[in-house]
Amino acid sequence: MNRDYIKFVISSLRRRKLRSWLTMLGIFIGIASVVSLIGLGEGLREAINSQFGALGTDFLRITATGGMGPPGTGVVNPLSDKELNEIEKVPGIKEVAGRIIESGKLVFNRNAGFEYAASMPDGKAREVMEDVLNMEIEKGRMLKDGDKGVVVLGSSFAEEDTMFGKPILPGSKIKLQDIEFKVIGILEKSGNMMLDGMVFMNEDEMRDMFDREKDEYDLIVARFDQSADVDKITADVEKKIRRVRGVKEGEEDFSVETPASIIESVNSTLLGIQIFVYIIAGISLLVGGIGIMNTMYTAVVERTKEIGIMKSIGATNSTIFSLFFIESGFLGIVGGIIGATLGFLAAHGLAFIGRLALGADIISAYITPQLIIGALLFSFILGSFFGTFPAIQASKLNPVEAIRSTK
């Protein structure tokens, strides 16, 4: 009997092809939006989480707040040696390193652009910074203590489509702030756009070039013992910095972040974006559901005589209800299948275009079977729900009056 119901429903929809497609339009637009944008959001979340996981979980990042540009830059009250020395005294802290970040004019191959430059400290602090940034050399070599007149570049500078007309490779000469430097190394691609597009040079040279104070930092990184209590160390560091900077709790002009807190912040932002997507897609799905209800009401009116004939030869109210209920659910599930397919293709297509445009692998699509199944189930429930009222109306038609009516 169920097979007969399905055959009847399919036959009915075939007779109204254009109307059926238009009815499903709102459903598959909404489902496609949900699947594609959630897939892209989850892909971004996975990429960010894996990047921070590669950096490790035993680092604190301390920056002054309130500036423009990269974290810690352009602030009124930058970090200094005072904060760095106090952080070193916190129990559980193993090593501390500071750095400065500046924007400057870079000239190569008669082309100029403004790029970010970052300092590399001397001694043990250099190793700390390299570990934090997960820096690995691809061509040439890394900076060493005592190096002068040389720089290491992020991977973006060595690409064919660089803004400077040709790749910058080890041995090339560049000008930064009108001072000539030799490129001695190119880093491996990290997927972090800022890191891949940054110029690295030794701290003393960078301070002289940008006229920065000897005890001033834009960023301080502290590595702690992995067996230590992260929350306690973070609280102790904040307490030390508040005392040095003379600010009260709740009025901090600095931030202390762990990789876990950064991930939590990113995930919270992505969740907010996804909720907004749900709202927009929900409106589309609501419109689609109303479209199904209108179509089914129209079908009841058009097929009144047909319903009367079916009842006169023995069809019960439950049979009539089931036919219309299944038809509306079928519209929902077909719209869901089309929407999920379009969403899957759109997510992977947009991710591919994004990777080509940005040259970074951080943009990807991550679509789980649970997401697809949930989308299909929701579209079926939506179609069935909005088809319930027309189905009830059809089942309650009086057979004699229905047969007398005209189409």
Protein backbone atom coordinates (compact mmCIF):
# COMPACT_ATOMS: atom_id res chain seq x y z
CA MET A 1 0.00 0.00 0.00
CA ASN A 2 2.83 2.38 0.84
CA ARG A 3 4.39 1.71 -2.57
CA ASP A 4 1.08 2.64 -4.21
CA TYR A 5 1.03 5.86 -2.20
CA ILE A 6 4.48 6.80 -3.46
CA LYS A 7 3.60 5.98 -7.07
CA PHE A 8 0.50 8.12 -6.77
CA VAL A 9 2.45 11.02 -5.29
CA ILE A 10 5.15 10.87 -7.98
CA SER A 11 2.50 10.75 -10.72
CA SER A 12 0.78 13.77 -9.19
CA LEU A 13 4.00 15.78 -9.01
CA ARG A 14 4.89 14.91 -12.62
CA ARG A 15 1.65 16.48 -13.77
CA ARG A 16 2.68 19.72 -12.03
CA LYS A 17 6.41 19.83 -12.81
CA LEU A 18 6.90 23.60 -12.95
CA ARG A 19 4.86 24.25 -9.82
CA SER A 20 6.70 21.49 -7.96
CA TRP A 21 10.12 22.96 -8.82
CA LEU A 22 9.04 26.45 -7.84
CA THR A 23 7.66 25.07 -4.57
CA MET A 24 10.96 23.42 -3.73
CA LEU A 25 12.99 26.53 -4.60
CA GLY A 26 12.86 28.06 -1.13
CA ILE A 27 13.69 24.70 0.48
CA PHE A 28 16.83 23.95 -1.50
CA ILE A 29 18.09 27.55 -1.35
CA GLY A 30 17.82 27.44 2.44
CA ILE A 31 19.39 23.98 2.77
CA ALA A 32 22.17 24.90 0.32
CA SER A 33 22.95 28.01 2.36
CA VAL A 34 23.09 26.06 5.61
CA VAL A 35 25.25 23.22 4.26
CA SER A 36 27.72 25.41 2.35
CA LEU A 37 28.27 28.10 4.98
CA ILE A 38 28.39 25.70 7.93
CA GLY A 39 30.79 23.50 5.93
CA LEU A 40 33.07 26.48 5.27
CA GLY A 41 32.82 27.61 8.89
CA GLU A 42 33.69 24.15 10.21
CA GLY A 43 36.56 23.89 7.72
CA LEU A 44 37.95 27.21 8.96
CA ARG A 45 37.50 26.10 12.57
CA GLU A 46 39.37 22.83 11.92
CA ALA A 47 42.20 24.63 10.13
CA ILE A 48 42.62 27.21 12.90
CA ASN A 49 42.50 24.58 15.64
CA SER A 50 45.09 22.43 13.87
CA GLN A 51 47.39 25.43 13.38
CA PHE A 52 47.26 26.36 17.03
CA GLY A 53 47.72 22.72 17.93
CA ALA A 54 50.92 22.67 15.87
CA LEU A 55 52.20 25.70 17.77
CA GLY A 56 51.84 23.88 21.07
CA THR A 57 49.93 24.70 24.22
CA ASP A 58 52.74 25.84 26.54
CA PHE A 59 52.93 29.52 25.54
CA LEU A 60 51.41 32.75 26.75
CA ARG A 61 51.10 35.74 24.43
CA ILE A 62 51.13 39.14 26.11
CA THR A 63 50.24 42.31 24.18
CA ALA A 64 49.32 45.88 25.01
CA THR A 65 45.81 46.75 23.82
CA GLY A 66 44.17 49.72 22.14
CA GLY A 67 46.36 50.01 19.02
CA MET A 68 45.85 49.63 15.29
CA GLY A 69 47.40 46.96 13.11
CA PRO A 70 48.89 43.70 14.39
CA PRO A 71 48.39 42.87 18.11
CA GLY A 72 50.46 45.15 20.36
CA THR A 73 51.33 47.77 17.73
CA GLY A 74 50.35 51.44 17.71
CA VAL A 75 49.40 51.48 21.41
CA VAL A 76 49.75 54.45 23.75
CA ASN A 77 51.47 52.44 26.49
CA PRO A 78 53.58 49.65 24.93
CA LEU A 79 55.14 46.76 26.81
CA SER A 80 58.70 47.15 28.10
CA ASP A 81 61.58 45.36 29.79
CA LYS A 82 59.82 45.96 33.12
CA GLU A 83 56.96 43.66 32.17
CA LEU A 84 59.34 41.15 30.58
CA ASN A 85 61.52 40.94 33.70
CA GLU A 86 58.51 40.56 36.00
CA ILE A 87 57.04 37.80 33.84
CA GLU A 88 60.34 35.90 34.08
CA LYS A 89 59.93 35.83 37.88
CA VAL A 90 56.56 34.05 37.78
CA PRO A 91 56.88 30.45 39.09
CA GLY A 92 56.47 27.99 36.21
CA ILE A 93 57.67 30.36 33.48
CA LYS A 94 60.67 28.86 31.68
CA GLU A 95 61.61 31.40 29.00
CA VAL A 96 60.46 34.84 27.88
CA ALA A 97 61.01 36.64 24.58
CA GLY A 98 59.92 40.04 23.28
CA ARG A 99 59.60 41.40 19.75
CA ILE A 100 58.63 44.51 17.85
CA ILE A 101 56.52 44.72 14.70
CA GLU A 102 56.53 47.61 12.20
CA SER A 103 55.20 48.43 8.75
CA GLY A 104 57.72 49.70 6.21
CA LYS A 105 58.29 50.29 2.49
CA LEU A 106 59.89 47.35 0.71
CA VAL A 107 61.39 47.84 -2.77
CA PHE A 108 62.39 45.01 -5.08
CA ASN A 109 62.64 44.77 -8.86
CA ARG A 110 61.71 48.48 -9.08
CA ASN A 111 58.37 47.76 -7.43
CA ALA A 112 57.40 49.00 -3.97
CA GLY A 113 54.96 47.81 -1.36
CA PHE A 114 54.31 48.25 2.34
CA GLU A 115 55.01 45.12 4.34
CA TYR A 116 55.19 44.14 8.01
CA ALA A 117 58.61 43.55 9.55
CA ALA A 118 59.18 41.64 12.80
CA SER A 119 62.24 41.46 15.01
CA MET A 120 64.05 38.30 16.09
CA PRO A 121 65.70 38.44 19.55
CA ASP A 122 69.17 37.10 20.37
CA GLY A 123 70.16 34.04 22.37
CA LYS A 124 67.70 31.60 23.88
CA ALA A 125 64.82 33.98 23.20
CA ARG A 126 65.36 33.42 19.46
CA GLU A 127 64.62 29.71 19.86
CA VAL A 128 61.51 30.50 21.89
CA MET A 129 60.19 32.80 19.15
CA GLU A 130 60.95 30.27 16.41
CA ASP A 131 59.08 27.59 18.36
CA VAL A 132 56.08 29.82 19.02
CA LEU A 133 55.76 30.76 15.35
CA ASN A 134 56.60 27.24 14.18
CA MET A 135 59.19 28.73 11.83
CA GLU A 136 60.87 26.28 9.46
CA ILE A 137 63.27 27.29 6.69
CA GLU A 138 62.54 26.14 3.14
CA LYS A 139 65.37 27.83 1.23
CA GLY A 140 68.59 29.33 2.57
CA ARG A 141 69.07 29.60 6.33
CA MET A 142 67.60 31.18 9.44
CA LEU A 143 68.88 34.36 11.08
CA LYS A 144 71.66 34.00 13.64
CA ASP A 145 72.95 36.16 16.48
CA GLY A 146 75.20 38.89 15.10
CA ASP A 147 73.77 38.85 11.56
CA LYS A 148 73.67 42.33 10.01
CA GLY A 149 72.30 43.56 6.71
CA VAL A 150 70.33 40.37 6.12
CA VAL A 151 66.67 39.32 6.40
CA VAL A 152 64.50 36.20 6.19
CA LEU A 153 61.20 36.41 4.31
CA GLY A 154 57.87 34.61 4.59
CA SER A 155 56.88 32.16 1.86
CA SER A 156 54.59 34.59 0.01
CA PHE A 157 57.55 36.61 -1.28
CA ALA A 158 58.89 33.58 -3.16
CA GLU A 159 55.68 32.95 -5.11
CA GLU A 160 55.47 33.53 -8.86
CA ASP A 161 52.57 35.99 -8.68
CA THR A 162 54.17 38.28 -6.11
CA MET A 163 53.37 41.99 -6.40
CA PHE A 164 57.07 42.67 -7.04
CA GLY A 165 56.94 41.14 -10.52
CA LYS A 166 59.07 38.09 -9.76
CA PRO A 167 59.85 35.84 -6.80
CA ILE A 168 62.27 37.05 -4.12
CA LEU A 169 64.74 34.24 -3.45
CA PRO A 170 67.80 33.79 -1.20
CA GLY A 171 70.62 35.97 -2.52
CA SER A 172 68.26 38.71 -3.72
CA LYS A 173 68.78 42.30 -2.61
CA ILE A 174 65.84 44.29 -1.28
CA LYS A 175 65.44 47.75 0.20
CA LEU A 176 63.49 48.20 3.42
CA GLN A 177 62.94 51.81 4.47
CA ASP A 178 65.54 52.73 1.82
CA ILE A 179 68.19 50.52 3.46
CA GLU A 180 69.55 47.62 1.44
CA PHE A 181 69.36 44.06 2.82
CA LYS A 182 70.31 40.68 1.47
CA VAL A 183 67.74 37.87 1.64
CA ILE A 184 69.33 34.80 3.25
CA GLY A 185 66.29 32.58 3.71
CA ILE A 186 62.66 31.86 2.81
CA LEU A 187 60.37 30.23 5.35
CA GLU A 188 58.11 27.27 4.66
CA LYS A 189 54.46 28.14 4.05
CA SER A 190 52.56 28.16 7.33
CA GLY A 191 49.04 28.99 6.12
CA ASN A 192 49.12 32.10 8.34
CA MET A 193 48.82 35.02 5.91
CA MET A 194 50.58 37.50 8.21
CA LEU A 195 53.50 35.17 8.94
CA ASP A 196 53.84 34.17 5.28
CA GLY A 197 53.97 37.84 4.25
CA MET A 198 56.38 39.12 6.91
CA VAL A 199 60.02 40.28 6.85
CA PHE A 200 62.18 39.01 9.73
CA MET A 201 65.35 40.77 10.85
CA ASN A 202 67.53 40.96 13.94
CA GLU A 203 66.22 43.14 16.75
CA ASP A 204 69.06 45.67 17.06
CA GLU A 205 68.96 46.58 13.37
CA MET A 206 65.19 46.87 13.41
CA ARG A 207 65.22 49.17 16.46
CA ASP A 208 67.74 51.46 14.77
CA MET A 209 65.81 51.47 11.49
CA PHE A 210 62.45 52.37 13.05
CA ASP A 211 63.88 54.44 15.92
CA ARG A 212 62.32 52.24 18.60
CA GLU A 213 63.28 52.48 22.27
CA LYS A 214 65.64 49.78 23.53
CA ASP A 215 63.26 48.55 26.22
CA GLU A 216 60.02 48.66 24.21
CA TYR A 217 58.08 45.64 22.85
CA ASP A 218 54.90 45.07 20.87
CA LEU A 219 54.61 41.44 21.91
CA ILE A 220 56.01 39.28 24.71
CA VAL A 221 55.90 35.49 24.54
CA ALA A 222 56.38 33.36 27.67
CA ARG A 223 56.89 29.60 27.61
CA PHE A 224 55.84 27.73 30.76
CA ASP A 225 56.26 24.24 32.14
CA GLN A 226 53.63 21.95 30.60
CA SER A 227 52.99 20.30 33.97
CA ALA A 228 52.08 23.66 35.53
CA ASP A 229 48.58 25.01 36.14
CA VAL A 230 47.91 27.24 33.13
CA ASP A 231 45.13 29.22 34.82
CA LYS A 232 47.30 29.98 37.86
CA ILE A 233 50.28 31.03 35.73
CA THR A 234 48.03 33.26 33.61
CA ALA A 235 46.56 34.87 36.74
CA ASP A 236 50.05 35.38 38.24
CA VAL A 237 51.33 36.99 35.04
CA GLU A 238 48.32 39.32 34.89
CA LYS A 239 48.86 40.30 38.53
CA LYS A 240 52.54 41.11 37.88
CA ILE A 241 51.77 43.20 34.81
CA ARG A 242 48.96 45.10 36.54
CA ARG A 243 51.39 46.08 39.29
CA VAL A 244 54.07 47.21 36.83
CA ARG A 245 51.63 49.23 34.71
CA GLY A 246 49.70 50.60 37.69
CA VAL A 247 46.24 49.47 36.60
CA LYS A 248 43.43 47.88 38.59
CA GLU A 249 41.81 44.54 37.89
CA GLY A 250 39.14 45.02 35.23
CA GLU A 251 40.90 48.09 33.82
CA GLU A 252 43.77 46.27 32.08
CA ASP A 253 45.37 47.91 29.05
CA PHE A 254 46.96 44.61 28.06
CA SER A 255 45.88 41.04 27.28
CA VAL A 256 47.33 37.67 28.25
CA GLU A 257 46.29 34.86 25.93
CA THR A 258 46.96 31.13 25.70
CA PRO A 259 46.49 29.14 22.48
CA ALA A 260 43.39 27.62 24.10
CA SER A 261 41.88 31.05 24.82
CA ILE A 262 42.63 32.23 21.29
CA ILE A 263 40.93 29.13 19.85
CA GLU A 264 37.95 29.69 22.15
CA SER A 265 37.68 33.29 20.98
CA VAL A 266 37.86 32.28 17.31
CA ASN A 267 35.29 29.51 17.81
CA SER A 268 32.98 31.95 19.59
CA THR A 269 33.23 34.36 16.65
CA LEU A 270 32.56 31.58 14.15
CA LEU A 271 29.57 30.43 16.20
CA GLY A 272 28.12 33.94 16.07
CA ILE A 273 28.53 33.97 12.28
CA GLN A 274 26.90 30.55 11.99
CA ILE A 275 23.92 31.64 14.11
CA PHE A 276 23.46 34.58 11.74
CA VAL A 277 23.58 32.10 8.83
CA TYR A 278 20.94 29.94 10.55
CA ILE A 279 18.64 32.94 10.85
CA ILE A 280 19.01 33.92 7.18
CA ALA A 281 18.63 30.32 6.00
CA GLY A 282 15.68 29.86 8.36
CA ILE A 283 13.84 32.71 6.68
CA SER A 284 14.41 31.05 3.30
CA LEU A 285 13.22 27.69 4.66
CA LEU A 286 10.12 29.33 6.16
CA VAL A 287 9.30 30.84 2.78
CA GLY A 288 9.82 27.42 1.20
CA GLY A 289 7.55 25.78 3.77
CA ILE A 290 4.79 28.33 3.16
CA GLY A 291 5.23 27.66 -0.55
CA ILE A 292 4.64 23.96 0.06
CA MET A 293 1.50 24.72 2.10
CA ASN A 294 0.12 27.02 -0.62
CA THR A 295 0.85 24.42 -3.30
CA MET A 296 -0.87 21.68 -1.32
CA TYR A 297 -3.92 23.87 -0.63
CA THR A 298 -4.11 24.58 -4.37
CA ALA A 299 -3.78 20.86 -5.07
CA VAL A 300 -6.71 20.15 -2.74
CA VAL A 301 -8.89 22.66 -4.60
CA GLU A 302 -7.82 21.39 -8.05
CA ARG A 303 -8.29 17.74 -7.12
CA THR A 304 -11.52 18.04 -5.15
CA LYS A 305 -13.45 15.92 -7.66
CA GLU A 306 -10.65 13.34 -7.75
CA ILE A 307 -10.74 13.13 -3.93
CA GLY A 308 -14.52 12.62 -4.05
CA ILE A 309 -14.18 9.76 -6.54
CA MET A 310 -11.49 8.07 -4.40
CA LYS A 311 -13.72 8.33 -1.32
CA SER A 312 -16.73 6.99 -3.22
CA ILE A 313 -14.83 3.80 -4.12
CA GLY A 314 -13.66 3.16 -0.57
CA ALA A 315 -10.75 5.48 0.24
CA THR A 316 -10.84 6.45 3.93
CA ASN A 317 -10.05 9.80 5.49
CA SER A 318 -6.70 8.42 6.67
CA THR A 319 -5.85 7.29 3.11
CA ILE A 320 -6.54 10.76 1.68
CA PHE A 321 -4.60 12.38 4.53
CA SER A 322 -1.64 10.04 3.95
CA LEU A 323 -1.50 10.81 0.22
CA PHE A 324 -1.30 14.57 0.72
CA PHE A 325 0.97 14.26 3.76
CA ILE A 326 3.44 12.07 1.85
CA GLU A 327 3.32 14.40 -1.14
CA SER A 328 4.28 17.43 0.95
CA GLY A 329 7.02 15.46 2.74
CA PHE A 330 8.30 14.29 -0.65
CA LEU A 331 8.55 17.89 -1.84
CA GLY A 332 10.55 18.70 1.28
CA ILE A 333 12.97 15.75 1.02
CA VAL A 334 13.62 16.28 -2.72
CA GLY A 335 14.26 19.98 -2.07
CA GLY A 336 16.60 18.94 0.75
CA ILE A 337 18.53 16.51 -1.46
CA ILE A 338 18.99 19.15 -4.16
CA GLY A 339 19.93 21.78 -1.57
CA ALA A 340 22.43 19.52 0.22
CA THR A 341 24.06 18.62 -3.10
CA LEU A 342 24.30 22.26 -4.17
CA GLY A 343 25.58 23.24 -0.72
CA PHE A 344 28.26 20.54 -0.81
CA LEU A 345 29.45 21.62 -4.27
CA ALA A 346 29.30 25.32 -3.37
CA ALA A 347 31.30 24.85 -0.16
CA HIS A 348 34.11 22.94 -1.84
CA GLY A 349 34.06 25.24 -4.88
CA LEU A 350 34.28 28.42 -2.79
CA ALA A 351 37.01 26.88 -0.63
CA PHE A 352 39.01 26.04 -3.77
CA ILE A 353 38.60 29.57 -5.14
CA GLY A 354 39.60 31.01 -1.76
CA ARG A 355 42.76 28.91 -1.63
CA LEU A 356 43.72 30.05 -5.12
CA ALA A 357 43.01 33.70 -4.35
CA LEU A 358 44.80 33.83 -1.01
CA GLY A 359 47.45 31.19 -1.62
CA ALA A 360 46.71 29.72 1.82
CA ASP A 361 45.40 26.29 2.77
CA ILE A 362 43.50 27.67 5.76
CA ILE A 363 40.30 27.93 3.68
CA SER A 364 38.66 24.52 3.37
CA ALA A 365 35.25 22.88 3.58
CA TYR A 366 34.44 20.33 6.26
CA ILE A 367 31.03 18.74 5.72
CA THR A 368 30.15 15.81 7.96
CA PRO A 369 27.59 13.06 7.22
CA GLN A 370 25.69 14.26 10.29
CA LEU A 371 25.25 17.69 8.69
CA ILE A 372 23.85 16.18 5.48
CA ILE A 373 21.55 13.77 7.32
CA GLY A 374 20.35 16.54 9.62
CA ALA A 375 19.63 18.83 6.64
CA LEU A 376 17.64 16.11 4.85
CA LEU A 377 15.70 15.18 7.97
CA PHE A 378 14.88 18.82 8.67
CA SER A 379 13.69 19.43 5.11
CA PHE A 380 11.40 16.38 5.29
CA ILE A 381 9.96 17.47 8.64
CA LEU A 382 9.47 20.99 7.30
CA GLY A 383 7.63 19.76 4.21
CA SER A 384 5.48 17.36 6.24
CA PHE A 385 4.61 20.02 8.82
CA PHE A 386 3.44 22.57 6.27
CA GLY A 387 1.55 19.86 4.39
CA THR A 388 -0.38 18.68 7.45
CA PHE A 389 -3.14 21.32 7.32
CA PRO A 390 -3.92 20.89 3.59
CA ALA A 391 -3.92 17.10 4.11
CA ILE A 392 -6.43 17.42 6.95
CA GLN A 393 -8.63 19.64 4.74
CA ALA A 394 -8.50 17.09 1.92
CA SER A 395 -9.36 14.17 4.23
CA LYS A 396 -12.47 15.94 5.56
CA LEU A 397 -14.06 16.65 2.16
CA ASN A 398 -17.58 15.28 1.72
CA PRO A 399 -17.43 12.78 -1.18
CA VAL A 400 -20.84 13.74 -2.69
CA GLU A 401 -20.05 17.48 -2.66
CA ALA A 402 -16.55 16.81 -3.94
CA ILE A 403 -17.82 14.83 -6.96
CA ARG A 404 -20.34 17.55 -7.81
CA SER A 405 -17.63 20.22 -7.83
CA THR A 406 -15.79 21.20 -10.98
CA LYS A 407 -12.00 21.34 -11.36
